[in-house]
Amino acid sequence: MIRQQLIHSFTHAALSPDPDLAVAALMIARVEYPRLDAGPYLDRLDALGREAERRVADATIVPGDAPPRVDPDRYARVMALNAYLFGELRFVGNEIQYEDPRNSFLNEVLDRRTGIPITLALLYIEVARRAGLHVEGINFPGHFLLRCPARRGLSYSEDLIIDAFHGGALLSTDVCRKMLRRHEGPDARADPGDPGDPGDPGDNDALLESRLFVHATKPQILARMLLNLKRVYVSMHSLPQARDVTELLLAVDPSAINELRDRGLLAYNLNDFAAALRDLQAYLQLSKATGLDEEEREEHDQIWEHVKTLRRRVASLN
């Protein structure tokens, strides 16, 4: 099982106001590499940042090069950073082995120069921050994206939306809208509980539009990394690692009762009956207070059956 000291350190790093994401990301890697020394990787990021700072500072604004309504200064700086990371260093999205768990570990992304959208975005944010260029995460459904905000005071200027998985490609709002529709289906709505007006497709577009570019906070970025990693581990039947990842998810968000449920179910499958009973009983209590729909009530009943079995097993061990 994951060490309590690591959970404590990760919680502090993940929830601290310091914008640094790399320290917490390298702690996540210790799920797979318990003896990992983060120091050399942080040094490497600093070196990448120093060189990127030079490239960004030297970026030349070419008249007419930037797309319409885009700040030429921001465009030139982003293009310089893209050329360095994706052109010269050849960081690339791992489309062939997307489900490889190494894609979720920052040390492996730095070593192998490949990853998935969330880890390549995290790398981009950290190098850009060291280079003096503000870039933030966008919690886009199904495919994590980045935003370089336009300079304040330029009313005509649009933000740059960046896809780190595809070589720093710049995405328009129309492209993002199509990506969201592909991910959620043609009938997707921002609020599934609101039937809206089925006769007015414009309403649906407005609801989708509100979800396109939602800023991702530091804990949300780390949680998204962990959720992806947990899914990969579960698909590989690597249950001890999946349980460790769930511990870190609960450290980022203790109110995530579905993670409490999953931690209990993982403990159950690993024959840690006392821990499973504790978590599943707590889940039943908390989920009842939230109000359940029909599907959730069915799941609630299934968990209750697990709890009854666990109570008998734990009693027989005492």
C-alpha atoms as a PDB file:
ATOM      1  CA  MET A   1       0.000   0.000   0.000  1.00  0.00           C
ATOM      2  CA  ILE A   2       1.019   3.578  -0.602  1.00  0.00           C
ATOM      3  CA  ARG A   3       2.903   5.217   2.251  1.00  0.00           C
ATOM      4  CA  GLN A   4       1.026   7.711   4.408  1.00  0.00           C
ATOM      5  CA  GLN A   5       3.960  10.126   4.175  1.00  0.00           C
ATOM      6  CA  LEU A   6       3.583  10.219   0.393  1.00  0.00           C
ATOM      7  CA  ILE A   7      -0.155  10.886   0.712  1.00  0.00           C
ATOM      8  CA  HIS A   8       0.542  13.701   3.181  1.00  0.00           C
ATOM      9  CA  SER A   9       3.244  15.261   0.964  1.00  0.00           C
ATOM     10  CA  PHE A  10       1.092  14.932  -2.131  1.00  0.00           C
ATOM     11  CA  THR A  11      -1.875  16.568  -0.397  1.00  0.00           C
ATOM     12  CA  HIS A  12       0.290  19.517   0.606  1.00  0.00           C
ATOM     13  CA  ALA A  13       1.766  19.893  -2.891  1.00  0.00           C
ATOM     14  CA  ALA A  14      -1.591  19.477  -4.670  1.00  0.00           C
ATOM     15  CA  LEU A  15      -3.558  21.909  -2.518  1.00  0.00           C
ATOM     16  CA  SER A  16      -0.875  24.544  -2.003  1.00  0.00           C
ATOM     17  CA  PRO A  17      -1.411  27.923  -3.733  1.00  0.00           C
ATOM     18  CA  ASP A  18       2.002  27.555  -5.405  1.00  0.00           C
ATOM     19  CA  PRO A  19       1.307  27.157  -9.158  1.00  0.00           C
ATOM     20  CA  ASP A  20       3.948  24.402  -9.472  1.00  0.00           C
ATOM     21  CA  LEU A  21       2.384  21.217 -10.871  1.00  0.00           C
ATOM     22  CA  ALA A  22       5.559  19.220 -11.466  1.00  0.00           C
ATOM     23  CA  VAL A  23       6.310  18.335  -7.829  1.00  0.00           C
ATOM     24  CA  ALA A  24       2.875  16.794  -7.282  1.00  0.00           C
ATOM     25  CA  ALA A  25       2.985  15.089 -10.695  1.00  0.00           C
ATOM     26  CA  LEU A  26       6.292  13.430  -9.832  1.00  0.00           C
ATOM     27  CA  MET A  27       4.786  12.252  -6.547  1.00  0.00           C
ATOM     28  CA  ILE A  28       2.071  10.519  -8.574  1.00  0.00           C
ATOM     29  CA  ALA A  29       4.836   8.683 -10.421  1.00  0.00           C
ATOM     30  CA  ARG A  30       5.935   7.144  -7.117  1.00  0.00           C
ATOM     31  CA  VAL A  31       2.884   4.889  -7.292  1.00  0.00           C
ATOM     32  CA  GLU A  32       4.836   3.005  -9.975  1.00  0.00           C
ATOM     33  CA  TYR A  33       8.378   4.070  -9.039  1.00  0.00           C
ATOM     34  CA  PRO A  34       8.542   4.259  -5.214  1.00  0.00           C
ATOM     35  CA  ARG A  35      12.256   5.183  -5.201  1.00  0.00           C
ATOM     36  CA  LEU A  36      11.970   7.893  -7.844  1.00  0.00           C
ATOM     37  CA  ASP A  37      14.254  10.885  -7.232  1.00  0.00           C
ATOM     38  CA  ALA A  38      12.328  13.927  -8.412  1.00  0.00           C
ATOM     39  CA  GLY A  39      15.354  16.245  -8.259  1.00  0.00           C
ATOM     40  CA  PRO A  40      16.898  15.458 -11.676  1.00  0.00           C
ATOM     41  CA  TYR A  41      13.527  15.826 -13.398  1.00  0.00           C
ATOM     42  CA  LEU A  42      12.855  19.188 -11.778  1.00  0.00           C
ATOM     43  CA  ASP A  43      16.347  20.263 -12.844  1.00  0.00           C
ATOM     44  CA  ARG A  44      15.568  19.153 -16.385  1.00  0.00           C
ATOM     45  CA  LEU A  45      12.347  21.165 -16.389  1.00  0.00           C
ATOM     46  CA  ASP A  46      14.280  24.205 -15.174  1.00  0.00           C
ATOM     47  CA  ALA A  47      16.779  23.755 -18.013  1.00  0.00           C
ATOM     48  CA  LEU A  48      13.956  23.453 -20.557  1.00  0.00           C
ATOM     49  CA  GLY A  49      12.376  26.559 -19.064  1.00  0.00           C
ATOM     50  CA  ARG A  50      15.576  28.588 -19.312  1.00  0.00           C
ATOM     51  CA  GLU A  51      16.028  27.721 -22.983  1.00  0.00           C
ATOM     52  CA  ALA A  52      12.335  28.298 -23.678  1.00  0.00           C
ATOM     53  CA  GLU A  53      12.582  31.701 -21.984  1.00  0.00           C
ATOM     54  CA  ARG A  54      15.331  32.665 -24.413  1.00  0.00           C
ATOM     55  CA  ARG A  55      13.334  31.443 -27.418  1.00  0.00           C
ATOM     56  CA  VAL A  56      10.148  33.182 -26.300  1.00  0.00           C
ATOM     57  CA  ALA A  57      11.967  36.453 -25.573  1.00  0.00           C
ATOM     58  CA  ASP A  58      13.540  36.375 -29.033  1.00  0.00           C
ATOM     59  CA  ALA A  59      10.263  35.597 -30.810  1.00  0.00           C
ATOM     60  CA  THR A  60       9.793  37.828 -33.847  1.00  0.00           C
ATOM     61  CA  ILE A  61       6.406  39.250 -34.738  1.00  0.00           C
ATOM     62  CA  VAL A  62       5.822  38.726 -38.455  1.00  0.00           C
ATOM     63  CA  PRO A  63       3.156  41.133 -39.814  1.00  0.00           C
ATOM     64  CA  GLY A  64       0.132  39.214 -41.057  1.00  0.00           C
ATOM     65  CA  ASP A  65       1.350  35.917 -39.603  1.00  0.00           C
ATOM     66  CA  ALA A  66      -1.129  35.741 -36.717  1.00  0.00           C
ATOM     67  CA  PRO A  67      -4.711  34.604 -37.429  1.00  0.00           C
ATOM     68  CA  PRO A  68      -7.444  37.272 -37.428  1.00  0.00           C
ATOM     69  CA  ARG A  69      -8.319  38.732 -34.003  1.00  0.00           C
ATOM     70  CA  VAL A  70      -5.269  37.101 -32.407  1.00  0.00           C
ATOM     71  CA  ASP A  71      -2.655  39.149 -30.541  1.00  0.00           C
ATOM     72  CA  PRO A  72       0.500  39.001 -32.749  1.00  0.00           C
ATOM     73  CA  ASP A  73       2.775  39.125 -29.685  1.00  0.00           C
ATOM     74  CA  ARG A  74       1.093  36.168 -27.963  1.00  0.00           C
ATOM     75  CA  TYR A  75       0.994  34.263 -31.255  1.00  0.00           C
ATOM     76  CA  ALA A  76       4.723  34.737 -31.896  1.00  0.00           C
ATOM     77  CA  ARG A  77       5.615  33.627 -28.362  1.00  0.00           C
ATOM     78  CA  VAL A  78       3.430  30.512 -28.488  1.00  0.00           C
ATOM     79  CA  MET A  79       4.816  29.603 -31.903  1.00  0.00           C
ATOM     80  CA  ALA A  80       8.369  29.941 -30.557  1.00  0.00           C
ATOM     81  CA  LEU A  81       7.564  27.655 -27.629  1.00  0.00           C
ATOM     82  CA  ASN A  82       5.844  25.154 -29.948  1.00  0.00           C
ATOM     83  CA  ALA A  83       8.830  25.102 -32.270  1.00  0.00           C
ATOM     84  CA  TYR A  84      11.134  24.356 -29.328  1.00  0.00           C
ATOM     85  CA  LEU A  85       9.053  21.664 -27.591  1.00  0.00           C
ATOM     86  CA  PHE A  86       7.473  19.914 -30.559  1.00  0.00           C
ATOM     87  CA  GLY A  87       9.802  20.805 -33.429  1.00  0.00           C
ATOM     88  CA  GLU A  88      13.250  20.655 -31.882  1.00  0.00           C
ATOM     89  CA  LEU A  89      12.748  18.416 -28.824  1.00  0.00           C
ATOM     90  CA  ARG A  90      10.107  16.301 -30.610  1.00  0.00           C
ATOM     91  CA  PHE A  91       7.642  15.825 -27.782  1.00  0.00           C
ATOM     92  CA  VAL A  92       4.684  14.025 -29.351  1.00  0.00           C
ATOM     93  CA  GLY A  93       1.332  12.528 -28.431  1.00  0.00           C
ATOM     94  CA  ASN A  94       1.477   8.750 -27.978  1.00  0.00           C
ATOM     95  CA  GLU A  95      -1.362   7.741 -30.276  1.00  0.00           C
ATOM     96  CA  ILE A  96      -0.099   4.184 -30.831  1.00  0.00           C
ATOM     97  CA  GLN A  97       0.268   3.210 -27.158  1.00  0.00           C
ATOM     98  CA  TYR A  98      -2.253   5.608 -25.646  1.00  0.00           C
ATOM     99  CA  GLU A  99      -3.176   3.207 -22.808  1.00  0.00           C
ATOM    100  CA  ASP A 100       0.419   2.699 -21.655  1.00  0.00           C
ATOM    101  CA  PRO A 101       0.516   3.802 -17.984  1.00  0.00           C
ATOM    102  CA  ARG A 102       3.920   5.411 -18.575  1.00  0.00           C
ATOM    103  CA  ASN A 103       2.087   8.166 -20.464  1.00  0.00           C
ATOM    104  CA  SER A 104       0.680   9.333 -17.115  1.00  0.00           C
ATOM    105  CA  PHE A 105       4.025   9.755 -15.343  1.00  0.00           C
ATOM    106  CA  LEU A 106       5.899  13.036 -15.786  1.00  0.00           C
ATOM    107  CA  ASN A 107       9.318  11.368 -15.415  1.00  0.00           C
ATOM    108  CA  GLU A 108       8.485   8.989 -18.279  1.00  0.00           C
ATOM    109  CA  VAL A 109       7.094  11.818 -20.409  1.00  0.00           C
ATOM    110  CA  LEU A 110      10.377  13.683 -19.986  1.00  0.00           C
ATOM    111  CA  ASP A 111      12.474  10.574 -20.660  1.00  0.00           C
ATOM    112  CA  ARG A 112      10.486   9.236 -23.607  1.00  0.00           C
ATOM    113  CA  ARG A 113       9.190  12.583 -24.937  1.00  0.00           C
ATOM    114  CA  THR A 114       5.703  11.224 -25.415  1.00  0.00           C
ATOM    115  CA  GLY A 115       2.483  11.208 -23.429  1.00  0.00           C
ATOM    116  CA  ILE A 116      -1.255  11.807 -23.419  1.00  0.00           C
ATOM    117  CA  PRO A 117      -3.079  15.163 -23.583  1.00  0.00           C
ATOM    118  CA  ILE A 118      -3.079  15.810 -19.821  1.00  0.00           C
ATOM    119  CA  THR A 119       0.617  15.052 -19.218  1.00  0.00           C
ATOM    120  CA  LEU A 120       1.851  16.875 -22.309  1.00  0.00           C
ATOM    121  CA  ALA A 121      -0.311  19.826 -21.281  1.00  0.00           C
ATOM    122  CA  LEU A 122       1.169  19.756 -17.776  1.00  0.00           C
ATOM    123  CA  LEU A 123       4.670  19.739 -19.280  1.00  0.00           C
ATOM    124  CA  TYR A 124       3.711  22.666 -21.528  1.00  0.00           C
ATOM    125  CA  ILE A 125       2.311  24.669 -18.596  1.00  0.00           C
ATOM    126  CA  GLU A 126       5.431  24.093 -16.505  1.00  0.00           C
ATOM    127  CA  VAL A 127       7.890  25.001 -19.284  1.00  0.00           C
ATOM    128  CA  ALA A 128       5.806  28.049 -20.277  1.00  0.00           C
ATOM    129  CA  ARG A 129       5.664  29.234 -16.654  1.00  0.00           C
ATOM    130  CA  ARG A 130       9.443  29.016 -16.379  1.00  0.00           C
ATOM    131  CA  ALA A 131       9.697  30.911 -19.676  1.00  0.00           C
ATOM    132  CA  GLY A 132       7.501  33.760 -18.408  1.00  0.00           C
ATOM    133  CA  LEU A 133       4.532  32.880 -20.643  1.00  0.00           C
ATOM    134  CA  HIS A 134       1.158  32.423 -18.932  1.00  0.00           C
ATOM    135  CA  VAL A 135      -0.594  29.271 -20.127  1.00  0.00           C
ATOM    136  CA  GLU A 136      -3.455  27.588 -18.256  1.00  0.00           C
ATOM    137  CA  GLY A 137      -5.300  24.299 -18.494  1.00  0.00           C
ATOM    138  CA  ILE A 138      -8.790  23.867 -19.948  1.00  0.00           C
ATOM    139  CA  ASN A 139     -10.886  21.033 -18.530  1.00  0.00           C
ATOM    140  CA  PHE A 140     -12.225  20.124 -21.948  1.00  0.00           C
ATOM    141  CA  PRO A 141     -14.253  16.883 -21.924  1.00  0.00           C
ATOM    142  CA  GLY A 142     -12.371  13.934 -23.390  1.00  0.00           C
ATOM    143  CA  HIS A 143      -9.250  15.838 -24.451  1.00  0.00           C
ATOM    144  CA  PHE A 144      -7.376  18.213 -22.153  1.00  0.00           C
ATOM    145  CA  LEU A 145      -6.466  21.534 -23.791  1.00  0.00           C
ATOM    146  CA  LEU A 146      -4.540  24.720 -22.999  1.00  0.00           C
ATOM    147  CA  ARG A 147      -5.213  28.440 -23.231  1.00  0.00           C
ATOM    148  CA  CYS A 148      -2.797  31.323 -23.602  1.00  0.00           C
ATOM    149  CA  PRO A 149      -4.964  34.319 -22.630  1.00  0.00           C
ATOM    150  CA  ALA A 150      -4.885  37.461 -24.716  1.00  0.00           C
ATOM    151  CA  ARG A 151      -3.203  40.498 -23.207  1.00  0.00           C
ATOM    152  CA  ARG A 152      -5.514  42.708 -21.194  1.00  0.00           C
ATOM    153  CA  GLY A 153      -6.666  45.875 -22.864  1.00  0.00           C
ATOM    154  CA  LEU A 154      -6.818  44.402 -26.378  1.00  0.00           C
ATOM    155  CA  SER A 155     -10.554  44.214 -26.935  1.00  0.00           C
ATOM    156  CA  TYR A 156     -10.192  42.685 -30.402  1.00  0.00           C
ATOM    157  CA  SER A 157      -7.894  39.899 -29.298  1.00  0.00           C
ATOM    158  CA  GLU A 158      -8.937  36.267 -28.799  1.00  0.00           C
ATOM    159  CA  ASP A 159      -7.287  33.716 -26.525  1.00  0.00           C
ATOM    160  CA  LEU A 160      -5.134  31.044 -28.121  1.00  0.00           C
ATOM    161  CA  ILE A 161      -6.454  27.490 -27.574  1.00  0.00           C
ATOM    162  CA  ILE A 162      -3.603  24.982 -27.759  1.00  0.00           C
ATOM    163  CA  ASP A 163      -3.617  21.200 -28.205  1.00  0.00           C
ATOM    164  CA  ALA A 164      -0.367  19.881 -26.717  1.00  0.00           C
ATOM    165  CA  PHE A 165      -1.153  16.312 -27.813  1.00  0.00           C
ATOM    166  CA  HIS A 166      -1.108  17.362 -31.468  1.00  0.00           C
ATOM    167  CA  GLY A 167       2.111  19.364 -31.560  1.00  0.00           C
ATOM    168  CA  GLY A 168       0.716  22.583 -30.111  1.00  0.00           C
ATOM    169  CA  ALA A 169      -1.981  22.928 -32.779  1.00  0.00           C
ATOM    170  CA  LEU A 170      -4.139  26.044 -32.393  1.00  0.00           C
ATOM    171  CA  LEU A 171      -7.849  25.264 -32.284  1.00  0.00           C
ATOM    172  CA  SER A 172     -10.756  27.494 -33.242  1.00  0.00           C
ATOM    173  CA  THR A 173     -14.007  27.640 -31.299  1.00  0.00           C
ATOM    174  CA  ASP A 174     -15.741  25.815 -34.157  1.00  0.00           C
ATOM    175  CA  VAL A 175     -13.255  22.946 -33.993  1.00  0.00           C
ATOM    176  CA  CYS A 176     -13.661  22.710 -30.208  1.00  0.00           C
ATOM    177  CA  ARG A 177     -17.443  22.674 -30.571  1.00  0.00           C
ATOM    178  CA  LYS A 178     -17.182  19.767 -33.023  1.00  0.00           C
ATOM    179  CA  MET A 179     -14.831  17.919 -30.666  1.00  0.00           C
ATOM    180  CA  LEU A 180     -17.298  18.335 -27.813  1.00  0.00           C
ATOM    181  CA  ARG A 181     -20.190  17.088 -29.923  1.00  0.00           C
ATOM    182  CA  ARG A 182     -18.165  14.033 -30.992  1.00  0.00           C
ATOM    183  CA  HIS A 183     -17.369  13.308 -27.352  1.00  0.00           C
ATOM    184  CA  GLU A 184     -20.858  13.800 -25.947  1.00  0.00           C
ATOM    185  CA  GLY A 185     -23.066  13.055 -28.942  1.00  0.00           C
ATOM    186  CA  PRO A 186     -25.341  15.291 -31.033  1.00  0.00           C
ATOM    187  CA  ASP A 187     -27.938  15.593 -28.267  1.00  0.00           C
ATOM    188  CA  ALA A 188     -25.466  16.613 -25.551  1.00  0.00           C
ATOM    189  CA  ARG A 189     -26.536  19.376 -23.162  1.00  0.00           C
ATOM    190  CA  ALA A 190     -24.658  21.363 -20.581  1.00  0.00           C
ATOM    191  CA  ASP A 191     -27.303  20.425 -18.010  1.00  0.00           C
ATOM    192  CA  PRO A 192     -28.715  16.903 -18.580  1.00  0.00           C
ATOM    193  CA  GLY A 193     -31.481  17.656 -16.082  1.00  0.00           C
ATOM    194  CA  ASP A 194     -32.840  20.564 -18.137  1.00  0.00           C
ATOM    195  CA  PRO A 195     -34.976  19.452 -21.095  1.00  0.00           C
ATOM    196  CA  GLY A 196     -34.821  22.915 -22.623  1.00  0.00           C
ATOM    197  CA  ASP A 197     -36.614  23.543 -25.906  1.00  0.00           C
ATOM    198  CA  PRO A 198     -36.026  20.631 -28.292  1.00  0.00           C
ATOM    199  CA  GLY A 199     -37.290  22.761 -31.139  1.00  0.00           C
ATOM    200  CA  ASP A 200     -34.507  25.324 -30.834  1.00  0.00           C
ATOM    201  CA  PRO A 201     -31.023  23.932 -31.632  1.00  0.00           C
ATOM    202  CA  GLY A 202     -29.556  27.311 -30.804  1.00  0.00           C
ATOM    203  CA  ASP A 203     -30.313  26.727 -27.118  1.00  0.00           C
ATOM    204  CA  ASN A 204     -28.334  23.510 -27.231  1.00  0.00           C
ATOM    205  CA  ASP A 205     -25.396  25.288 -28.894  1.00  0.00           C
ATOM    206  CA  ALA A 206     -25.415  27.930 -26.171  1.00  0.00           C
ATOM    207  CA  LEU A 207     -25.334  25.251 -23.475  1.00  0.00           C
ATOM    208  CA  LEU A 208     -22.447  23.496 -25.184  1.00  0.00           C
ATOM    209  CA  GLU A 209     -20.624  26.791 -25.656  1.00  0.00           C
ATOM    210  CA  SER A 210     -20.592  27.372 -21.899  1.00  0.00           C
ATOM    211  CA  ARG A 211     -18.617  24.154 -21.420  1.00  0.00           C
ATOM    212  CA  LEU A 212     -15.956  24.657 -24.062  1.00  0.00           C
ATOM    213  CA  PHE A 213     -13.245  26.533 -22.187  1.00  0.00           C
ATOM    214  CA  VAL A 214     -13.637  25.892 -18.464  1.00  0.00           C
ATOM    215  CA  HIS A 215     -10.466  26.811 -16.569  1.00  0.00           C
ATOM    216  CA  ALA A 216      -8.821  23.837 -14.832  1.00  0.00           C
ATOM    217  CA  THR A 217      -7.496  24.504 -11.339  1.00  0.00           C
ATOM    218  CA  LYS A 218      -4.338  22.875 -10.042  1.00  0.00           C
ATOM    219  CA  PRO A 219      -6.238  20.184  -8.050  1.00  0.00           C
ATOM    220  CA  GLN A 220      -8.488  19.510 -11.055  1.00  0.00           C
ATOM    221  CA  ILE A 221      -5.499  18.954 -13.348  1.00  0.00           C
ATOM    222  CA  LEU A 222      -3.943  16.512 -10.898  1.00  0.00           C
ATOM    223  CA  ALA A 223      -7.285  14.758 -10.327  1.00  0.00           C
ATOM    224  CA  ARG A 224      -7.724  14.343 -14.080  1.00  0.00           C
ATOM    225  CA  MET A 225      -4.264  12.774 -14.329  1.00  0.00           C
ATOM    226  CA  LEU A 226      -5.141  10.403 -11.502  1.00  0.00           C
ATOM    227  CA  LEU A 227      -8.545   9.459 -12.925  1.00  0.00           C
ATOM    228  CA  ASN A 228      -6.956   8.536 -16.225  1.00  0.00           C
ATOM    229  CA  LEU A 229      -4.250   6.517 -14.484  1.00  0.00           C
ATOM    230  CA  LYS A 230      -6.813   4.708 -12.307  1.00  0.00           C
ATOM    231  CA  ARG A 231      -8.808   3.748 -15.382  1.00  0.00           C
ATOM    232  CA  VAL A 232      -5.678   2.338 -17.045  1.00  0.00           C
ATOM    233  CA  TYR A 233      -4.693   0.350 -13.960  1.00  0.00           C
ATOM    234  CA  VAL A 234      -8.192  -1.096 -13.563  1.00  0.00           C
ATOM    235  CA  SER A 235      -8.229  -2.140 -17.232  1.00  0.00           C
ATOM    236  CA  MET A 236      -4.878  -3.884 -16.630  1.00  0.00           C
ATOM    237  CA  HIS A 237      -6.230  -5.549 -13.457  1.00  0.00           C
ATOM    238  CA  SER A 238      -3.436  -3.828 -11.517  1.00  0.00           C
ATOM    239  CA  LEU A 239      -5.660  -3.385  -8.474  1.00  0.00           C
ATOM    240  CA  PRO A 240      -3.025  -2.480  -5.835  1.00  0.00           C
ATOM    241  CA  GLN A 241      -1.846   0.432  -7.984  1.00  0.00           C
ATOM    242  CA  ALA A 242      -5.449   1.445  -8.741  1.00  0.00           C
ATOM    243  CA  ARG A 243      -6.122   1.525  -5.002  1.00  0.00           C
ATOM    244  CA  ASP A 244      -3.052   3.705  -4.408  1.00  0.00           C
ATOM    245  CA  VAL A 245      -4.189   6.128  -7.097  1.00  0.00           C
ATOM    246  CA  THR A 246      -7.616   6.297  -5.448  1.00  0.00           C
ATOM    247  CA  GLU A 247      -5.904   7.243  -2.174  1.00  0.00           C
ATOM    248  CA  LEU A 248      -4.331  10.210  -3.964  1.00  0.00           C
ATOM    249  CA  LEU A 249      -7.645  11.156  -5.572  1.00  0.00           C
ATOM    250  CA  LEU A 250      -9.263  11.323  -2.147  1.00  0.00           C
ATOM    251  CA  ALA A 251      -6.324  13.400  -0.922  1.00  0.00           C
ATOM    252  CA  VAL A 252      -7.071  15.962  -3.652  1.00  0.00           C
ATOM    253  CA  ASP A 253     -10.832  15.864  -3.037  1.00  0.00           C
ATOM    254  CA  PRO A 254     -11.980  14.210   0.220  1.00  0.00           C
ATOM    255  CA  SER A 255     -15.612  14.881  -0.740  1.00  0.00           C
ATOM    256  CA  ALA A 256     -15.416  12.606  -3.821  1.00  0.00           C
ATOM    257  CA  ILE A 257     -17.701   9.889  -2.485  1.00  0.00           C
ATOM    258  CA  ASN A 258     -17.475   7.839  -5.687  1.00  0.00           C
ATOM    259  CA  GLU A 259     -13.742   7.500  -5.036  1.00  0.00           C
ATOM    260  CA  LEU A 260     -14.541   6.388  -1.495  1.00  0.00           C
ATOM    261  CA  ARG A 261     -16.802   3.719  -3.008  1.00  0.00           C
ATOM    262  CA  ASP A 262     -14.113   2.654  -5.480  1.00  0.00           C
ATOM    263  CA  ARG A 263     -11.457   2.489  -2.785  1.00  0.00           C
ATOM    264  CA  GLY A 264     -13.768   0.187  -0.811  1.00  0.00           C
ATOM    265  CA  LEU A 265     -14.476  -2.037  -3.815  1.00  0.00           C
ATOM    266  CA  LEU A 266     -10.770  -2.269  -4.637  1.00  0.00           C
ATOM    267  CA  ALA A 267     -10.014  -3.200  -1.022  1.00  0.00           C
ATOM    268  CA  TYR A 268     -12.768  -5.854  -1.228  1.00  0.00           C
ATOM    269  CA  ASN A 269     -11.171  -7.370  -4.354  1.00  0.00           C
ATOM    270  CA  LEU A 270      -7.782  -7.316  -2.614  1.00  0.00           C
ATOM    271  CA  ASN A 271      -9.244  -9.180   0.409  1.00  0.00           C
ATOM    272  CA  ASP A 272      -8.702  -6.225   2.752  1.00  0.00           C
ATOM    273  CA  PHE A 273     -12.138  -6.742   4.245  1.00  0.00           C
ATOM    274  CA  ALA A 274     -11.878  -4.381   7.216  1.00  0.00           C
ATOM    275  CA  ALA A 275     -10.859  -1.444   4.991  1.00  0.00           C
ATOM    276  CA  ALA A 276     -13.514  -2.350   2.443  1.00  0.00           C
ATOM    277  CA  LEU A 277     -16.205  -2.438   5.122  1.00  0.00           C
ATOM    278  CA  ARG A 278     -15.139   0.933   6.513  1.00  0.00           C
ATOM    279  CA  ASP A 279     -15.199   2.653   3.121  1.00  0.00           C
ATOM    280  CA  LEU A 280     -18.391   1.086   1.792  1.00  0.00           C
ATOM    281  CA  GLN A 281     -20.330   1.802   4.983  1.00  0.00           C
ATOM    282  CA  ALA A 282     -19.166   5.417   4.844  1.00  0.00           C
ATOM    283  CA  TYR A 283     -20.151   5.592   1.159  1.00  0.00           C
ATOM    284  CA  LEU A 284     -23.672   4.322   1.917  1.00  0.00           C
ATOM    285  CA  GLN A 285     -24.137   6.949   4.618  1.00  0.00           C
ATOM    286  CA  LEU A 286     -22.857   9.813   2.480  1.00  0.00           C
ATOM    287  CA  SER A 287     -24.612   8.834  -0.738  1.00  0.00           C
ATOM    288  CA  LYS A 288     -27.991   8.552   1.018  1.00  0.00           C
ATOM    289  CA  ALA A 289     -27.716  12.195   2.026  1.00  0.00           C
ATOM    290  CA  THR A 290     -27.244  13.346  -1.583  1.00  0.00           C
ATOM    291  CA  GLY A 291     -30.518  11.937  -2.922  1.00  0.00           C
ATOM    292  CA  LEU A 292     -30.458   9.018  -5.361  1.00  0.00           C
ATOM    293  CA  ASP A 293     -31.949   8.463  -8.790  1.00  0.00           C
ATOM    294  CA  GLU A 294     -33.140   5.017  -9.887  1.00  0.00           C
ATOM    295  CA  GLU A 295     -29.763   3.865 -11.208  1.00  0.00           C
ATOM    296  CA  GLU A 296     -27.985   5.116  -8.094  1.00  0.00           C
ATOM    297  CA  ARG A 297     -30.501   3.346  -5.839  1.00  0.00           C
ATOM    298  CA  GLU A 298     -29.763   0.079  -7.652  1.00  0.00           C
ATOM    299  CA  GLU A 299     -26.046   0.572  -7.112  1.00  0.00           C
ATOM    300  CA  HIS A 300     -26.727   1.524  -3.490  1.00  0.00           C
ATOM    301  CA  ASP A 301     -28.542  -1.797  -2.994  1.00  0.00           C
ATOM    302  CA  GLN A 302     -25.622  -3.705  -4.527  1.00  0.00           C
ATOM    303  CA  ILE A 303     -23.149  -1.988  -2.199  1.00  0.00           C
ATOM    304  CA  TRP A 304     -25.412  -2.803   0.740  1.00  0.00           C
ATOM    305  CA  GLU A 305     -25.214  -6.498  -0.192  1.00  0.00           C
ATOM    306  CA  HIS A 306     -21.411  -6.224  -0.214  1.00  0.00           C
ATOM    307  CA  VAL A 307     -21.522  -4.603   3.220  1.00  0.00           C
ATOM    308  CA  LYS A 308     -23.639  -7.408   4.669  1.00  0.00           C
ATOM    309  CA  THR A 309     -21.168  -9.976   3.307  1.00  0.00           C
ATOM    310  CA  LEU A 310     -18.228  -8.002   4.647  1.00  0.00           C
ATOM    311  CA  ARG A 311     -19.756  -7.739   8.100  1.00  0.00           C
ATOM    312  CA  ARG A 312     -20.013 -11.533   8.273  1.00  0.00           C
ATOM    313  CA  ARG A 313     -16.450 -11.986   7.045  1.00  0.00           C
ATOM    314  CA  VAL A 314     -14.961  -9.421   9.406  1.00  0.00           C
ATOM    315  CA  ALA A 315     -16.920 -10.892  12.334  1.00  0.00           C
ATOM    316  CA  SER A 316     -15.582 -14.356  11.544  1.00  0.00           C
ATOM    317  CA  LEU A 317     -12.007 -13.032  11.728  1.00  0.00           C
ATOM    318  CA  ASN A 318     -12.439 -11.587  15.222  1.00  0.00           C
END
